Amino acid sequence: MARIPREEHAKIRERVEIGQEKVAAVAALYGCTPANIYAILTKLRREDTSGTKLPVPTKPTGSLSATLVHGSELSRKRSLEARLPE
């Protein structure tokens, strides 16, 4: 079974998502298994979503920390801060 060239990946996605072809039929055209086509589609979808995520700050500061801590965690954090010596 030959490796599917990267240039074909977009065409495969178009066939399945826009052309409504069955994954098994597309796999038969490329001489591979449906699992290979699903892997390509998953990779392409993951690449689409990875570009839209914003970086998360590693250590919040000031008032930002209060907005990142939710519910009971906020009250627990406040009670712990109250116990700390200054």
Protein backbone atom coordinates (compact mmCIF):
# COMPACT_ATOMS: atom_id res chain seq x y z
CA MET A 1 0.00 0.00 0.00
CA ALA A 2 1.55 3.28 -1.12
CA ARG A 3 1.61 6.36 1.06
CA ILE A 4 -0.97 8.99 0.08
CA PRO A 5 0.80 12.21 -0.91
CA ARG A 6 0.12 15.20 1.33
CA GLU A 7 -1.12 17.13 -1.70
CA GLU A 8 -4.03 14.69 -1.94
CA HIS A 9 -5.20 15.22 1.65
CA ALA A 10 -7.27 18.32 0.84
CA LYS A 11 -8.86 16.52 -2.12
CA ILE A 12 -9.78 13.59 0.12
CA ARG A 13 -11.38 15.91 2.64
CA GLU A 14 -13.32 17.65 -0.12
CA ARG A 15 -14.58 14.34 -1.50
CA VAL A 16 -15.82 13.18 1.90
CA GLU A 17 -17.12 16.40 3.45
CA ILE A 18 -18.35 18.35 0.42
CA GLY A 19 -18.86 15.65 -2.17
CA GLN A 20 -20.54 13.36 0.38
CA GLU A 21 -18.59 10.33 -0.88
CA LYS A 22 -18.36 7.41 1.50
CA VAL A 23 -15.03 6.97 3.25
CA ALA A 24 -14.86 3.37 2.06
CA ALA A 25 -15.25 4.48 -1.57
CA VAL A 26 -12.50 7.10 -1.22
CA ALA A 27 -10.26 4.53 0.45
CA ALA A 28 -10.80 2.14 -2.46
CA LEU A 29 -9.79 4.87 -4.92
CA TYR A 30 -6.50 5.40 -3.07
CA GLY A 31 -5.89 1.71 -2.42
CA CYS A 32 -5.98 1.97 1.37
CA THR A 33 -8.29 1.22 4.26
CA PRO A 34 -11.06 3.49 5.54
CA ALA A 35 -9.03 3.81 8.75
CA ASN A 36 -6.28 5.55 6.77
CA ILE A 37 -8.78 8.04 5.37
CA TYR A 38 -10.26 8.68 8.82
CA ALA A 39 -6.74 9.32 10.13
CA ILE A 40 -6.13 11.89 7.40
CA LEU A 41 -9.46 13.60 8.09
CA THR A 42 -8.79 13.68 11.83
CA LYS A 43 -5.36 15.19 11.28
CA LEU A 44 -6.74 17.89 8.99
CA ARG A 45 -9.52 18.77 11.44
CA ARG A 46 -7.04 18.93 14.31
CA GLU A 47 -4.80 21.26 12.30
CA ASP A 48 -7.80 23.52 11.62
CA THR A 49 -8.64 23.87 15.30
CA SER A 50 -5.08 24.19 16.57
CA GLY A 51 -4.58 27.55 14.84
CA THR A 52 -7.56 29.13 16.62
CA LYS A 53 -6.57 28.42 20.22
CA LEU A 54 -5.17 31.26 22.27
CA PRO A 55 -2.16 30.66 24.49
CA VAL A 56 -3.01 30.23 28.16
CA PRO A 57 -0.93 32.23 30.65
CA THR A 58 1.19 29.95 32.82
CA LYS A 59 0.94 32.00 36.02
CA PRO A 60 -1.93 34.45 36.47
CA THR A 61 -1.22 37.73 38.22
CA GLY A 62 -3.26 40.28 40.14
CA SER A 63 -6.99 40.43 39.49
CA LEU A 64 -6.63 38.03 36.58
CA SER A 65 -6.12 35.17 39.04
CA ALA A 66 -9.59 35.77 40.49
CA THR A 67 -11.18 35.44 37.06
CA LEU A 68 -9.34 32.19 36.34
CA VAL A 69 -10.36 30.52 39.61
CA HIS A 70 -13.98 29.36 39.72
CA GLY A 71 -16.57 28.67 42.42
CA SER A 72 -15.38 26.96 45.58
CA GLU A 73 -11.78 27.19 44.45
CA LEU A 74 -11.98 30.98 44.77
CA SER A 75 -13.27 30.86 48.34
CA ARG A 76 -10.69 28.19 49.24
CA LYS A 77 -7.94 30.36 47.76
CA ARG A 78 -9.13 33.39 49.72
CA SER A 79 -9.20 31.45 52.99
CA LEU A 80 -5.67 30.16 52.36
CA GLU A 81 -4.44 33.66 51.57
CA ALA A 82 -5.97 34.98 54.79
CA ARG A 83 -3.95 32.44 56.81
CA LEU A 84 -0.62 33.34 55.22
CA PRO A 85 1.63 35.66 57.24
CA GLU A 86 2.53 38.88 55.48
